[in-house]
Amino acid sequence: MKVLRFYILYRLPIIAILIAIGLWSQLTHWDTATVWICYILAGISLLLYFMMGTMRIVQEAITDGDPELAMKYIKQIKFPRLLFKPIRSAYYMIQSNLFLAIDDLGAAENNIRKSLKTKSKIVGDVEGTNLMQLAFIQLKKGETKEARANLQAAIKAGIPDKESLAACYLQLSSIEIQRKQNKVGKEYFRKAKALKPKSEELVKQIQQMDKHISRLPG
């Protein structure tokens, strides 16, 4: 993995070295095979630089719980519009998550909207996940009406995992109760509870809401 990380981080210098070796081999008539190998490897590396960037090690840093390192790696991507479509969508989503972590809500929303615009049939539709992220950002900004609409749209578009779907239902339940729509809020809560989420945060939220919601009329 260290070799791969080194290659990704120093891809441009490696490309320059490969081209230099290829040129030297060509000018000195040393070995035709070496010339072609160097040029082909340089060409492939250049394509990978523009189409994949540093996203592999960005995701590794996030998995390791190091957002600062992830931010450092993601800043090395200078041409995000040239990224392969599924990777471009992931790039904007991760950017949004990183900005959300530091409470830069404007940048977080801007990036998730860009991810929403980048659709790819190769990895399936992640519109639901993006809409959910947008809704949570809007809630932090106090835009409850817009967040409610996007949470409903996210569920309709499809949420890939039970934990995220339960989080959507819980948030909608809370919003509807605030709107005095207790019957609707209870129904959303029932759906969230039925999913039996396992994350500690969601379990606590369900336990707390369970005590409160049973006392509400409707």
N, C-alpha and C. Protein backbone atom coordinates (compact mmCIF):
# COMPACT_ATOMS: atom_id res chain seq x y z
N MET A 1 0.82 -1.21 0.00
CA MET A 1 0.00 0.00 0.00
C MET A 1 0.86 1.27 0.00
N LYS A 2 2.02 1.19 0.66
CA LYS A 2 2.91 2.35 0.70
C LYS A 2 3.41 2.69 -0.70
N VAL A 3 3.68 1.62 -1.49
CA VAL A 3 4.15 1.83 -2.86
C VAL A 3 3.06 2.51 -3.70
N LEU A 4 1.82 2.04 -3.53
CA LEU A 4 0.70 2.63 -4.27
C LEU A 4 0.49 4.08 -3.85
N ARG A 5 0.58 4.36 -2.55
CA ARG A 5 0.41 5.73 -2.07
C ARG A 5 1.50 6.64 -2.64
N PHE A 6 2.73 6.13 -2.67
CA PHE A 6 3.85 6.90 -3.24
C PHE A 6 3.60 7.19 -4.72
N TYR A 7 3.12 6.17 -5.43
CA TYR A 7 2.86 6.33 -6.86
C TYR A 7 1.77 7.38 -7.11
N ILE A 8 0.71 7.33 -6.31
CA ILE A 8 -0.40 8.28 -6.48
C ILE A 8 0.04 9.70 -6.15
N LEU A 9 0.80 9.85 -5.07
CA LEU A 9 1.23 11.18 -4.64
C LEU A 9 2.24 11.81 -5.58
N TYR A 10 3.09 10.98 -6.17
CA TYR A 10 4.19 11.51 -7.00
C TYR A 10 4.05 11.06 -8.45
N ARG A 11 2.81 11.00 -8.91
CA ARG A 11 2.54 10.52 -10.26
C ARG A 11 3.16 11.43 -11.32
N LEU A 12 3.06 12.75 -11.14
CA LEU A 12 3.61 13.67 -12.15
C LEU A 12 5.13 13.56 -12.28
N PRO A 13 5.90 13.56 -11.17
CA PRO A 13 7.35 13.36 -11.31
C PRO A 13 7.69 12.01 -11.94
N ILE A 14 6.91 10.98 -11.62
CA ILE A 14 7.15 9.66 -12.21
C ILE A 14 6.92 9.70 -13.71
N ILE A 15 5.88 10.42 -14.12
CA ILE A 15 5.60 10.58 -15.56
C ILE A 15 6.77 11.28 -16.25
N ALA A 16 7.27 12.34 -15.61
CA ALA A 16 8.40 13.08 -16.18
C ALA A 16 9.63 12.18 -16.32
N ILE A 17 9.88 11.35 -15.32
CA ILE A 17 11.04 10.43 -15.35
C ILE A 17 10.87 9.41 -16.48
N LEU A 18 9.66 8.87 -16.62
CA LEU A 18 9.39 7.88 -17.67
C LEU A 18 9.59 8.48 -19.06
N ILE A 19 9.10 9.70 -19.24
CA ILE A 19 9.27 10.38 -20.54
C ILE A 19 10.76 10.65 -20.80
N ALA A 20 11.47 11.07 -19.75
CA ALA A 20 12.91 11.35 -19.90
C ALA A 20 13.67 10.08 -20.29
N ILE A 21 13.35 8.97 -19.65
CA ILE A 21 14.01 7.70 -19.98
C ILE A 21 13.67 7.29 -21.41
N GLY A 22 12.39 7.48 -21.78
CA GLY A 22 11.97 7.14 -23.13
C GLY A 22 12.70 7.97 -24.18
N LEU A 23 12.81 9.27 -23.94
CA LEU A 23 13.52 10.16 -24.87
C LEU A 23 14.99 9.79 -24.98
N TRP A 24 15.59 9.53 -23.82
CA TRP A 24 17.03 9.15 -23.82
C TRP A 24 17.23 7.86 -24.60
N SER A 25 16.35 6.89 -24.38
CA SER A 25 16.46 5.61 -25.10
C SER A 25 16.25 5.81 -26.59
N GLN A 26 15.35 6.71 -26.95
CA GLN A 26 15.08 6.97 -28.37
C GLN A 26 16.25 7.68 -29.04
N LEU A 27 16.80 8.67 -28.36
CA LEU A 27 17.89 9.46 -28.96
C LEU A 27 19.20 8.66 -29.07
N THR A 28 19.39 7.78 -28.11
CA THR A 28 20.63 6.99 -28.12
C THR A 28 20.48 5.66 -28.85
N HIS A 29 19.24 5.41 -29.36
CA HIS A 29 18.95 4.16 -30.07
C HIS A 29 19.29 2.95 -29.20
N TRP A 30 19.02 3.09 -27.90
CA TRP A 30 19.42 2.04 -26.97
C TRP A 30 18.52 0.80 -27.07
N ASP A 31 17.21 1.03 -26.95
CA ASP A 31 16.30 -0.11 -26.97
C ASP A 31 14.90 0.38 -27.33
N THR A 32 14.40 -0.05 -28.47
CA THR A 32 13.06 0.37 -28.93
C THR A 32 11.97 -0.04 -27.95
N ALA A 33 12.10 -1.25 -27.40
CA ALA A 33 11.09 -1.75 -26.46
C ALA A 33 11.00 -0.85 -25.23
N THR A 34 12.15 -0.41 -24.73
CA THR A 34 12.18 0.48 -23.55
C THR A 34 11.48 1.79 -23.85
N VAL A 35 11.71 2.31 -25.06
CA VAL A 35 11.07 3.56 -25.48
C VAL A 35 9.56 3.44 -25.40
N TRP A 36 9.03 2.37 -26.02
CA TRP A 36 7.58 2.19 -26.04
C TRP A 36 7.00 1.92 -24.65
N ILE A 37 7.69 1.11 -23.87
CA ILE A 37 7.23 0.81 -22.51
C ILE A 37 7.14 2.08 -21.67
N CYS A 38 8.17 2.91 -21.75
CA CYS A 38 8.18 4.17 -20.98
C CYS A 38 7.07 5.11 -21.41
N TYR A 39 6.88 5.25 -22.71
CA TYR A 39 5.85 6.15 -23.23
C TYR A 39 4.45 5.63 -22.87
N ILE A 40 4.24 4.33 -22.99
CA ILE A 40 2.92 3.75 -22.66
C ILE A 40 2.62 3.92 -21.18
N LEU A 41 3.60 3.62 -20.32
CA LEU A 41 3.41 3.78 -18.87
C LEU A 41 3.15 5.24 -18.49
N ALA A 42 3.88 6.15 -19.17
CA ALA A 42 3.68 7.58 -18.92
C ALA A 42 2.27 8.01 -19.34
N GLY A 43 1.82 7.49 -20.50
CA GLY A 43 0.48 7.83 -20.98
C GLY A 43 -0.61 7.32 -20.06
N ILE A 44 -0.47 6.08 -19.60
CA ILE A 44 -1.45 5.50 -18.68
C ILE A 44 -1.46 6.28 -17.37
N SER A 45 -0.28 6.62 -16.87
CA SER A 45 -0.17 7.37 -15.61
C SER A 45 -0.81 8.75 -15.73
N LEU A 46 -0.65 9.37 -16.89
CA LEU A 46 -1.24 10.69 -17.12
C LEU A 46 -2.78 10.60 -17.13
N LEU A 47 -3.29 9.56 -17.78
CA LEU A 47 -4.74 9.35 -17.78
C LEU A 47 -5.26 9.14 -16.36
N LEU A 48 -4.55 8.33 -15.58
CA LEU A 48 -4.95 8.06 -14.20
C LEU A 48 -4.89 9.33 -13.35
N TYR A 49 -3.91 10.18 -13.63
CA TYR A 49 -3.76 11.44 -12.89
C TYR A 49 -4.99 12.31 -13.08
N PHE A 50 -5.46 12.42 -14.32
CA PHE A 50 -6.61 13.28 -14.60
C PHE A 50 -7.95 12.61 -14.27
N MET A 51 -8.05 11.29 -14.50
CA MET A 51 -9.33 10.61 -14.37
C MET A 51 -9.62 10.07 -12.97
N MET A 52 -8.56 9.85 -12.16
CA MET A 52 -8.76 9.29 -10.82
C MET A 52 -8.18 10.16 -9.71
N GLY A 53 -7.20 10.98 -10.05
CA GLY A 53 -6.61 11.87 -9.05
C GLY A 53 -6.06 11.11 -7.85
N THR A 54 -6.28 11.65 -6.68
CA THR A 54 -5.79 11.03 -5.44
C THR A 54 -6.94 10.40 -4.64
N MET A 55 -8.07 10.14 -5.31
CA MET A 55 -9.27 9.71 -4.59
C MET A 55 -9.07 8.40 -3.83
N ARG A 56 -8.22 7.52 -4.34
CA ARG A 56 -7.99 6.24 -3.64
C ARG A 56 -7.45 6.48 -2.23
N ILE A 57 -6.45 7.34 -2.11
CA ILE A 57 -5.86 7.57 -0.79
C ILE A 57 -6.69 8.54 0.05
N VAL A 58 -7.52 9.35 -0.62
CA VAL A 58 -8.47 10.20 0.12
C VAL A 58 -9.45 9.31 0.89
N GLN A 59 -9.99 8.31 0.21
CA GLN A 59 -10.95 7.40 0.84
C GLN A 59 -10.29 6.57 1.94
N GLU A 60 -9.03 6.21 1.74
CA GLU A 60 -8.28 5.48 2.78
C GLU A 60 -8.14 6.33 4.03
N ALA A 61 -7.81 7.61 3.84
CA ALA A 61 -7.65 8.52 4.98
C ALA A 61 -8.96 8.69 5.75
N ILE A 62 -10.07 8.76 5.02
CA ILE A 62 -11.38 8.88 5.66
C ILE A 62 -11.71 7.61 6.44
N THR A 63 -11.43 6.46 5.83
CA THR A 63 -11.66 5.17 6.51
C THR A 63 -10.84 5.07 7.78
N ASP A 64 -9.63 5.64 7.74
CA ASP A 64 -8.74 5.61 8.92
C ASP A 64 -9.10 6.67 9.96
N GLY A 65 -10.14 7.47 9.65
CA GLY A 65 -10.58 8.50 10.59
C GLY A 65 -9.66 9.70 10.67
N ASP A 66 -9.05 10.06 9.53
CA ASP A 66 -8.12 11.20 9.50
C ASP A 66 -8.60 12.23 8.46
N PRO A 67 -9.61 13.04 8.80
CA PRO A 67 -10.16 14.00 7.84
C PRO A 67 -9.15 15.05 7.39
N GLU A 68 -8.20 15.42 8.27
CA GLU A 68 -7.20 16.43 7.89
C GLU A 68 -6.31 15.90 6.77
N LEU A 69 -5.91 14.63 6.88
CA LEU A 69 -5.09 14.03 5.83
C LEU A 69 -5.91 13.88 4.54
N ALA A 70 -7.18 13.53 4.68
CA ALA A 70 -8.06 13.41 3.52
C ALA A 70 -8.18 14.75 2.80
N MET A 71 -8.33 15.83 3.57
CA MET A 71 -8.41 17.17 2.99
C MET A 71 -7.11 17.53 2.27
N LYS A 72 -5.98 17.15 2.86
CA LYS A 72 -4.68 17.42 2.25
C LYS A 72 -4.56 16.71 0.91
N TYR A 73 -4.98 15.45 0.86
CA TYR A 73 -4.89 14.67 -0.37
C TYR A 73 -5.86 15.19 -1.43
N ILE A 74 -7.08 15.55 -1.00
CA ILE A 74 -8.10 15.95 -1.97
C ILE A 74 -7.76 17.30 -2.60
N LYS A 75 -6.99 18.13 -1.88
CA LYS A 75 -6.57 19.42 -2.43
C LYS A 75 -5.58 19.25 -3.58
N GLN A 76 -4.99 18.08 -3.69
CA GLN A 76 -4.04 17.83 -4.78
C GLN A 76 -4.73 17.56 -6.11
N ILE A 77 -6.06 17.41 -6.07
CA ILE A 77 -6.82 17.23 -7.32
C ILE A 77 -7.10 18.62 -7.89
N LYS A 78 -6.43 18.95 -8.95
CA LYS A 78 -6.52 20.30 -9.52
C LYS A 78 -7.58 20.43 -10.61
N PHE A 79 -7.99 19.31 -11.22
CA PHE A 79 -8.94 19.36 -12.33
C PHE A 79 -10.09 18.38 -12.07
N PRO A 80 -10.95 18.66 -11.08
CA PRO A 80 -12.03 17.71 -10.74
C PRO A 80 -12.99 17.42 -11.88
N ARG A 81 -13.17 18.37 -12.80
CA ARG A 81 -14.11 18.15 -13.91
C ARG A 81 -13.61 17.09 -14.88
N LEU A 82 -12.32 16.77 -14.82
CA LEU A 82 -11.76 15.75 -15.70
C LEU A 82 -11.79 14.36 -15.06
N LEU A 83 -12.19 14.28 -13.81
CA LEU A 83 -12.27 12.98 -13.13
C LEU A 83 -13.32 12.11 -13.80
N PHE A 84 -13.07 10.79 -13.78
CA PHE A 84 -14.03 9.81 -14.25
C PHE A 84 -15.34 10.04 -13.50
N LYS A 85 -16.49 9.98 -14.18
CA LYS A 85 -17.76 10.43 -13.60
C LYS A 85 -18.07 9.88 -12.21
N PRO A 86 -18.00 8.56 -11.99
CA PRO A 86 -18.29 8.05 -10.64
C PRO A 86 -17.34 8.61 -9.59
N ILE A 87 -16.07 8.79 -9.97
CA ILE A 87 -15.07 9.32 -9.05
C ILE A 87 -15.31 10.81 -8.82
N ARG A 88 -15.76 11.52 -9.86
CA ARG A 88 -16.08 12.94 -9.71
C ARG A 88 -17.23 13.14 -8.73
N SER A 89 -18.25 12.29 -8.85
CA SER A 89 -19.38 12.37 -7.93
C SER A 89 -18.93 12.12 -6.49
N ALA A 90 -18.08 11.10 -6.31
CA ALA A 90 -17.55 10.80 -4.97
C ALA A 90 -16.68 11.94 -4.47
N TYR A 91 -15.92 12.56 -5.37
CA TYR A 91 -15.06 13.69 -5.00
C TYR A 91 -15.88 14.82 -4.39
N TYR A 92 -16.96 15.20 -5.07
CA TYR A 92 -17.79 16.30 -4.56
C TYR A 92 -18.50 15.91 -3.26
N MET A 93 -18.92 14.64 -3.16
CA MET A 93 -19.58 14.19 -1.94
C MET A 93 -18.62 14.23 -0.75
N ILE A 94 -17.40 13.74 -0.96
CA ILE A 94 -16.40 13.75 0.12
C ILE A 94 -16.03 15.19 0.49
N GLN A 95 -15.89 16.04 -0.53
CA GLN A 95 -15.63 17.46 -0.27
C GLN A 95 -16.72 18.04 0.62
N SER A 96 -17.96 17.70 0.29
CA SER A 96 -19.09 18.18 1.08
C SER A 96 -19.00 17.70 2.53
N ASN A 97 -18.68 16.42 2.70
CA ASN A 97 -18.55 15.86 4.06
C ASN A 97 -17.44 16.55 4.85
N LEU A 98 -16.33 16.80 4.18
CA LEU A 98 -15.19 17.44 4.86
C LEU A 98 -15.51 18.88 5.26
N PHE A 99 -16.19 19.60 4.37
CA PHE A 99 -16.58 20.97 4.71
C PHE A 99 -17.65 20.99 5.80
N LEU A 100 -18.52 19.98 5.78
CA LEU A 100 -19.55 19.88 6.82
C LEU A 100 -18.91 19.65 8.19
N ALA A 101 -17.82 18.88 8.20
CA ALA A 101 -17.11 18.58 9.45
C ALA A 101 -16.52 19.84 10.09
N ILE A 102 -16.20 20.83 9.26
CA ILE A 102 -15.64 22.08 9.81
C ILE A 102 -16.68 23.21 9.80
N ASP A 103 -17.95 22.83 9.60
CA ASP A 103 -19.08 23.77 9.64
C ASP A 103 -19.04 24.85 8.57
N ASP A 104 -18.41 24.55 7.44
CA ASP A 104 -18.48 25.46 6.29
C ASP A 104 -19.67 25.00 5.45
N LEU A 105 -20.86 25.43 5.88
CA LEU A 105 -22.09 24.92 5.30
C LEU A 105 -22.29 25.35 3.84
N GLY A 106 -21.84 26.56 3.51
CA GLY A 106 -21.96 27.04 2.13
C GLY A 106 -21.18 26.16 1.17
N ALA A 107 -19.93 25.87 1.51
CA ALA A 107 -19.08 25.03 0.65
C ALA A 107 -19.61 23.60 0.63
N ALA A 108 -20.12 23.13 1.77
CA ALA A 108 -20.67 21.77 1.84
C ALA A 108 -21.87 21.63 0.91
N GLU A 109 -22.75 22.62 0.92
CA GLU A 109 -23.94 22.58 0.05
C GLU A 109 -23.55 22.71 -1.42
N ASN A 110 -22.62 23.59 -1.72
CA ASN A 110 -22.17 23.78 -3.09
C ASN A 110 -21.63 22.49 -3.69
N ASN A 111 -20.84 21.77 -2.90
CA ASN A 111 -20.23 20.52 -3.39
C ASN A 111 -21.24 19.40 -3.53
N ILE A 112 -22.20 19.29 -2.60
CA ILE A 112 -23.17 18.21 -2.73
C ILE A 112 -24.10 18.46 -3.91
N ARG A 113 -24.36 19.72 -4.23
CA ARG A 113 -25.16 20.02 -5.42
C ARG A 113 -24.40 19.64 -6.70
N LYS A 114 -23.09 19.82 -6.69
CA LYS A 114 -22.28 19.40 -7.84
C LYS A 114 -22.30 17.88 -7.98
N SER A 115 -22.27 17.19 -6.84
CA SER A 115 -22.35 15.73 -6.87
C SER A 115 -23.70 15.28 -7.43
N LEU A 116 -24.75 15.99 -7.07
CA LEU A 116 -26.09 15.66 -7.58
C LEU A 116 -26.16 15.79 -9.10
N LYS A 117 -25.42 16.76 -9.64
CA LYS A 117 -25.43 16.99 -11.09
C LYS A 117 -24.59 15.96 -11.84
N THR A 118 -23.69 15.27 -11.10
CA THR A 118 -22.80 14.30 -11.74
C THR A 118 -23.38 12.90 -11.58
N LYS A 119 -24.07 12.43 -12.61
CA LYS A 119 -24.71 11.12 -12.53
C LYS A 119 -23.96 10.11 -13.39
N SER A 120 -23.90 8.87 -12.90
CA SER A 120 -23.22 7.82 -13.64
C SER A 120 -23.99 6.51 -13.51
N LYS A 121 -24.22 5.86 -14.62
CA LYS A 121 -24.94 4.58 -14.62
C LYS A 121 -24.03 3.44 -14.17
N ILE A 122 -22.72 3.67 -14.16
CA ILE A 122 -21.77 2.61 -13.85
C ILE A 122 -21.89 2.16 -12.40
N VAL A 123 -21.98 3.10 -11.48
CA VAL A 123 -22.04 2.75 -10.06
C VAL A 123 -23.46 2.83 -9.50
N GLY A 124 -24.44 3.05 -10.39
CA GLY A 124 -25.82 3.17 -9.91
C GLY A 124 -26.11 4.60 -9.47
N ASP A 125 -27.35 4.83 -9.18
CA ASP A 125 -27.80 6.18 -8.84
C ASP A 125 -27.61 6.45 -7.35
N VAL A 126 -26.85 7.47 -7.02
CA VAL A 126 -26.65 7.84 -5.62
C VAL A 126 -27.41 9.13 -5.30
N GLU A 127 -28.43 9.40 -6.08
CA GLU A 127 -29.21 10.63 -5.90
C GLU A 127 -29.81 10.70 -4.50
N GLY A 128 -30.33 9.55 -4.02
CA GLY A 128 -30.94 9.53 -2.70
C GLY A 128 -29.97 9.93 -1.61
N THR A 129 -28.76 9.38 -1.66
CA THR A 129 -27.74 9.70 -0.67
C THR A 129 -27.36 11.17 -0.73
N ASN A 130 -27.22 11.69 -1.95
CA ASN A 130 -26.88 13.11 -2.11
C ASN A 130 -27.98 14.03 -1.59
N LEU A 131 -29.22 13.67 -1.88
CA LEU A 131 -30.35 14.48 -1.41
C LEU A 131 -30.44 14.47 0.12
N MET A 132 -30.16 13.31 0.70
CA MET A 132 -30.15 13.22 2.16
C MET A 132 -29.07 14.12 2.75
N GLN A 133 -27.89 14.10 2.15
CA GLN A 133 -26.79 14.95 2.61
C GLN A 133 -27.17 16.43 2.49
N LEU A 134 -27.78 16.79 1.36
CA LEU A 134 -28.22 18.17 1.14
C LEU A 134 -29.24 18.58 2.21
N ALA A 135 -30.16 17.67 2.52
CA ALA A 135 -31.19 17.96 3.52
C ALA A 135 -30.58 18.19 4.90
N PHE A 136 -29.60 17.38 5.27
CA PHE A 136 -28.97 17.55 6.59
C PHE A 136 -28.20 18.87 6.67
N ILE A 137 -27.61 19.28 5.54
CA ILE A 137 -26.93 20.58 5.51
C ILE A 137 -27.95 21.70 5.68
N GLN A 138 -29.07 21.58 4.98
CA GLN A 138 -30.11 22.60 5.06
C GLN A 138 -30.70 22.69 6.47
N LEU A 139 -30.81 21.56 7.15
CA LEU A 139 -31.29 21.58 8.53
C LEU A 139 -30.34 22.37 9.43
N LYS A 140 -29.04 22.18 9.19
CA LYS A 140 -28.05 22.93 9.98
C LYS A 140 -28.15 24.43 9.69
N LYS A 141 -28.58 24.77 8.48
CA LYS A 141 -28.73 26.17 8.10
C LYS A 141 -30.08 26.74 8.53
N GLY A 142 -30.92 25.89 9.11
CA GLY A 142 -32.24 26.34 9.54
C GLY A 142 -33.27 26.38 8.43
N GLU A 143 -32.98 25.74 7.30
CA GLU A 143 -33.90 25.73 6.16
C GLU A 143 -34.76 24.47 6.23
N THR A 144 -35.66 24.44 7.20
CA THR A 144 -36.45 23.23 7.49
C THR A 144 -37.37 22.82 6.34
N LYS A 145 -38.01 23.80 5.72
CA LYS A 145 -38.95 23.50 4.63
C LYS A 145 -38.23 22.80 3.47
N GLU A 146 -37.08 23.35 3.08
CA GLU A 146 -36.31 22.77 1.98
C GLU A 146 -35.77 21.40 2.37
N ALA A 147 -35.33 21.27 3.63
CA ALA A 147 -34.79 20.00 4.11
C ALA A 147 -35.85 18.91 4.09
N ARG A 148 -37.06 19.26 4.53
CA ARG A 148 -38.17 18.31 4.54
C ARG A 148 -38.44 17.78 3.14
N ALA A 149 -38.48 18.70 2.17
CA ALA A 149 -38.74 18.29 0.78
C ALA A 149 -37.64 17.38 0.25
N ASN A 150 -36.40 17.69 0.59
CA ASN A 150 -35.29 16.88 0.09
C ASN A 150 -35.18 15.53 0.80
N LEU A 151 -35.57 15.46 2.06
CA LEU A 151 -35.60 14.16 2.76
C LEU A 151 -36.64 13.25 2.12
N GLN A 152 -37.80 13.82 1.80
CA GLN A 152 -38.85 13.04 1.14
C GLN A 152 -38.39 12.59 -0.24
N ALA A 153 -37.71 13.49 -0.95
CA ALA A 153 -37.19 13.15 -2.29
C ALA A 153 -36.10 12.09 -2.20
N ALA A 154 -35.30 12.16 -1.14
CA ALA A 154 -34.23 11.17 -0.95
C ALA A 154 -34.80 9.77 -0.75
N ILE A 155 -35.84 9.67 0.06
CA ILE A 155 -36.49 8.37 0.30
C ILE A 155 -37.11 7.84 -0.99
N LYS A 156 -37.72 8.73 -1.74
CA LYS A 156 -38.34 8.34 -3.01
C LYS A 156 -37.28 7.87 -4.02
N ALA A 157 -36.13 8.56 -4.04
CA ALA A 157 -35.05 8.20 -4.97
C ALA A 157 -34.37 6.89 -4.57
N GLY A 158 -34.39 6.60 -3.26
CA GLY A 158 -33.79 5.35 -2.78
C GLY A 158 -32.56 5.59 -1.93
N ILE A 159 -32.62 5.09 -0.68
CA ILE A 159 -31.49 5.16 0.24
C ILE A 159 -30.89 3.76 0.33
N PRO A 160 -29.60 3.61 0.08
CA PRO A 160 -29.01 2.27 -0.05
C PRO A 160 -28.87 1.45 1.23
N ASP A 161 -28.84 2.07 2.39
CA ASP A 161 -28.64 1.30 3.62
C ASP A 161 -29.67 1.66 4.68
N LYS A 162 -29.94 0.71 5.56
CA LYS A 162 -30.99 0.86 6.58
C LYS A 162 -30.68 1.99 7.56
N GLU A 163 -29.41 2.14 7.93
CA GLU A 163 -29.04 3.16 8.90
C GLU A 163 -29.38 4.55 8.39
N SER A 164 -29.02 4.83 7.16
CA SER A 164 -29.29 6.14 6.57
C SER A 164 -30.78 6.36 6.38
N LEU A 165 -31.48 5.30 5.96
CA LEU A 165 -32.93 5.42 5.77
C LEU A 165 -33.62 5.69 7.11
N ALA A 166 -33.17 5.00 8.16
CA ALA A 166 -33.73 5.23 9.49
C ALA A 166 -33.48 6.67 9.94
N ALA A 167 -32.28 7.19 9.65
CA ALA A 167 -31.95 8.58 10.01
C ALA A 167 -32.88 9.56 9.29
N CYS A 168 -33.19 9.27 8.03
CA CYS A 168 -34.12 10.11 7.26
C CYS A 168 -35.50 10.11 7.89
N TYR A 169 -35.99 8.93 8.21
CA TYR A 169 -37.32 8.81 8.82
C TYR A 169 -37.38 9.52 10.17
N LEU A 170 -36.34 9.36 10.96
CA LEU A 170 -36.31 10.02 12.28
C LEU A 170 -36.34 11.54 12.14
N GLN A 171 -35.57 12.04 11.18
CA GLN A 171 -35.52 13.49 11.00
C GLN A 171 -36.86 14.02 10.50
N LEU A 172 -37.48 13.26 9.59
CA LEU A 172 -38.81 13.66 9.10
C LEU A 172 -39.84 13.60 10.22
N SER A 173 -39.72 12.60 11.08
CA SER A 173 -40.61 12.49 12.23
C SER A 173 -40.51 13.73 13.12
N SER A 174 -39.29 14.13 13.38
CA SER A 174 -39.05 15.31 14.22
C SER A 174 -39.61 16.57 13.57
N ILE A 175 -39.40 16.70 12.26
CA ILE A 175 -39.90 17.88 11.53
C ILE A 175 -41.42 17.94 11.58
N GLU A 176 -42.07 16.80 11.32
CA GLU A 176 -43.54 16.77 11.30
C GLU A 176 -44.12 17.07 12.68
N ILE A 177 -43.48 16.59 13.72
CA ILE A 177 -43.96 16.87 15.08
C ILE A 177 -43.83 18.37 15.38
N GLN A 178 -42.74 18.98 14.91
CA GLN A 178 -42.57 20.42 15.08
C GLN A 178 -43.65 21.18 14.33
N ARG A 179 -44.13 20.60 13.22
CA ARG A 179 -45.19 21.22 12.41
C ARG A 179 -46.58 20.90 12.96
N LYS A 180 -46.62 20.21 14.11
CA LYS A 180 -47.87 19.81 14.76
C LYS A 180 -48.62 18.75 13.94
N GLN A 181 -47.90 18.07 13.07
CA GLN A 181 -48.48 16.97 12.30
C GLN A 181 -48.10 15.66 13.01
N ASN A 182 -48.69 15.46 14.17
CA ASN A 182 -48.29 14.34 15.02
C ASN A 182 -48.54 12.98 14.39
N LYS A 183 -49.65 12.84 13.72
CA LYS A 183 -49.97 11.55 13.10
C LYS A 183 -48.94 11.16 12.06
N VAL A 184 -48.56 12.13 11.23
CA VAL A 184 -47.53 11.88 10.20
C VAL A 184 -46.18 11.61 10.87
N GLY A 185 -45.87 12.40 11.90
CA GLY A 185 -44.61 12.23 12.62
C GLY A 185 -44.51 10.85 13.26
N LYS A 186 -45.61 10.36 13.81
CA LYS A 186 -45.62 9.03 14.43
C LYS A 186 -45.41 7.93 13.39
N GLU A 187 -45.97 8.14 12.20
CA GLU A 187 -45.81 7.15 11.14
C GLU A 187 -44.36 7.06 10.67
N TYR A 188 -43.72 8.22 10.54
CA TYR A 188 -42.30 8.22 10.17
C TYR A 188 -41.47 7.55 11.27
N PHE A 189 -41.82 7.82 12.51
CA PHE A 189 -41.09 7.21 13.63
C PHE A 189 -41.26 5.70 13.62
N ARG A 190 -42.48 5.24 13.34
CA ARG A 190 -42.74 3.80 13.27
C ARG A 190 -41.87 3.13 12.20
N LYS A 191 -41.73 3.80 11.05
CA LYS A 191 -40.91 3.26 9.96
C LYS A 191 -39.43 3.21 10.36
N ALA A 192 -38.97 4.26 11.05
CA ALA A 192 -37.57 4.29 11.50
C ALA A 192 -37.30 3.17 12.49
N LYS A 193 -38.22 3.00 13.44
CA LYS A 193 -38.06 1.97 14.47
C LYS A 193 -38.09 0.57 13.86
N ALA A 194 -38.93 0.36 12.85
CA ALA A 194 -39.07 -0.94 12.21
C ALA A 194 -37.79 -1.38 11.50
N LEU A 195 -36.96 -0.41 11.12
CA LEU A 195 -35.70 -0.73 10.44
C LEU A 195 -34.64 -1.28 11.40
N LYS A 196 -34.86 -1.09 12.70
CA LYS A 196 -33.96 -1.58 13.76
C LYS A 196 -32.49 -1.18 13.51
N PRO A 197 -32.22 0.12 13.41
CA PRO A 197 -30.83 0.57 13.19
C PRO A 197 -29.94 0.16 14.36
N LYS A 198 -28.67 -0.03 14.07
CA LYS A 198 -27.75 -0.54 15.08
C LYS A 198 -26.76 0.51 15.61
N SER A 199 -26.63 1.63 14.89
CA SER A 199 -25.68 2.65 15.34
C SER A 199 -26.12 3.23 16.68
N GLU A 200 -25.15 3.48 17.53
CA GLU A 200 -25.42 3.94 18.90
C GLU A 200 -26.23 5.23 18.91
N GLU A 201 -25.88 6.15 18.03
CA GLU A 201 -26.57 7.45 17.99
C GLU A 201 -28.04 7.29 17.64
N LEU A 202 -28.34 6.48 16.62
CA LEU A 202 -29.72 6.29 16.20
C LEU A 202 -30.53 5.54 17.25
N VAL A 203 -29.91 4.55 17.89
CA VAL A 203 -30.58 3.79 18.95
C VAL A 203 -30.99 4.73 20.08
N LYS A 204 -30.10 5.65 20.46
CA LYS A 204 -30.39 6.61 21.53
C LYS A 204 -31.52 7.55 21.12
N GLN A 205 -31.48 8.00 19.87
CA GLN A 205 -32.53 8.91 19.37
C GLN A 205 -33.90 8.23 19.40
N ILE A 206 -33.93 6.97 19.00
CA ILE A 206 -35.19 6.22 19.00
C ILE A 206 -35.70 6.03 20.42
N GLN A 207 -34.81 5.72 21.33
CA GLN A 207 -35.21 5.54 22.74
C GLN A 207 -35.78 6.83 23.32
N GLN A 208 -35.12 7.94 23.02
CA GLN A 208 -35.58 9.24 23.54
C GLN A 208 -36.91 9.64 22.93
N MET A 209 -37.04 9.45 21.59
CA MET A 209 -38.28 9.82 20.92
C MET A 209 -39.44 8.91 21.32
N ASP A 210 -39.13 7.66 21.59
CA ASP A 210 -40.15 6.69 21.98
C ASP A 210 -40.88 7.15 23.25
N LYS A 211 -40.12 7.70 24.18
CA LYS A 211 -40.71 8.18 25.44
C LYS A 211 -41.58 9.42 25.20
N HIS A 212 -41.12 10.27 24.29
CA HIS A 212 -41.81 11.54 24.04
C HIS A 212 -43.03 11.38 23.15
N ILE A 213 -42.85 10.55 22.10
CA ILE A 213 -43.88 10.48 21.04
C ILE A 213 -45.16 9.80 21.52
N SER A 214 -45.02 8.90 22.47
CA SER A 214 -46.21 8.17 22.96
C SER A 214 -47.18 9.09 23.69
N ARG A 215 -46.71 10.21 24.18
CA ARG A 215 -47.55 11.15 24.93
C ARG A 215 -48.23 12.19 24.02
N LEU A 216 -47.88 12.18 22.76
CA LEU A 216 -48.44 13.17 21.83
C LEU A 216 -49.83 12.75 21.34
N PRO A 217 -50.73 13.69 21.19
CA PRO A 217 -52.05 13.36 20.63
C PRO A 217 -51.94 13.06 19.13
N GLY A 218 -52.95 12.39 18.61
CA GLY A 218 -52.97 12.13 17.19
C GLY A 218 -52.50 10.74 16.82
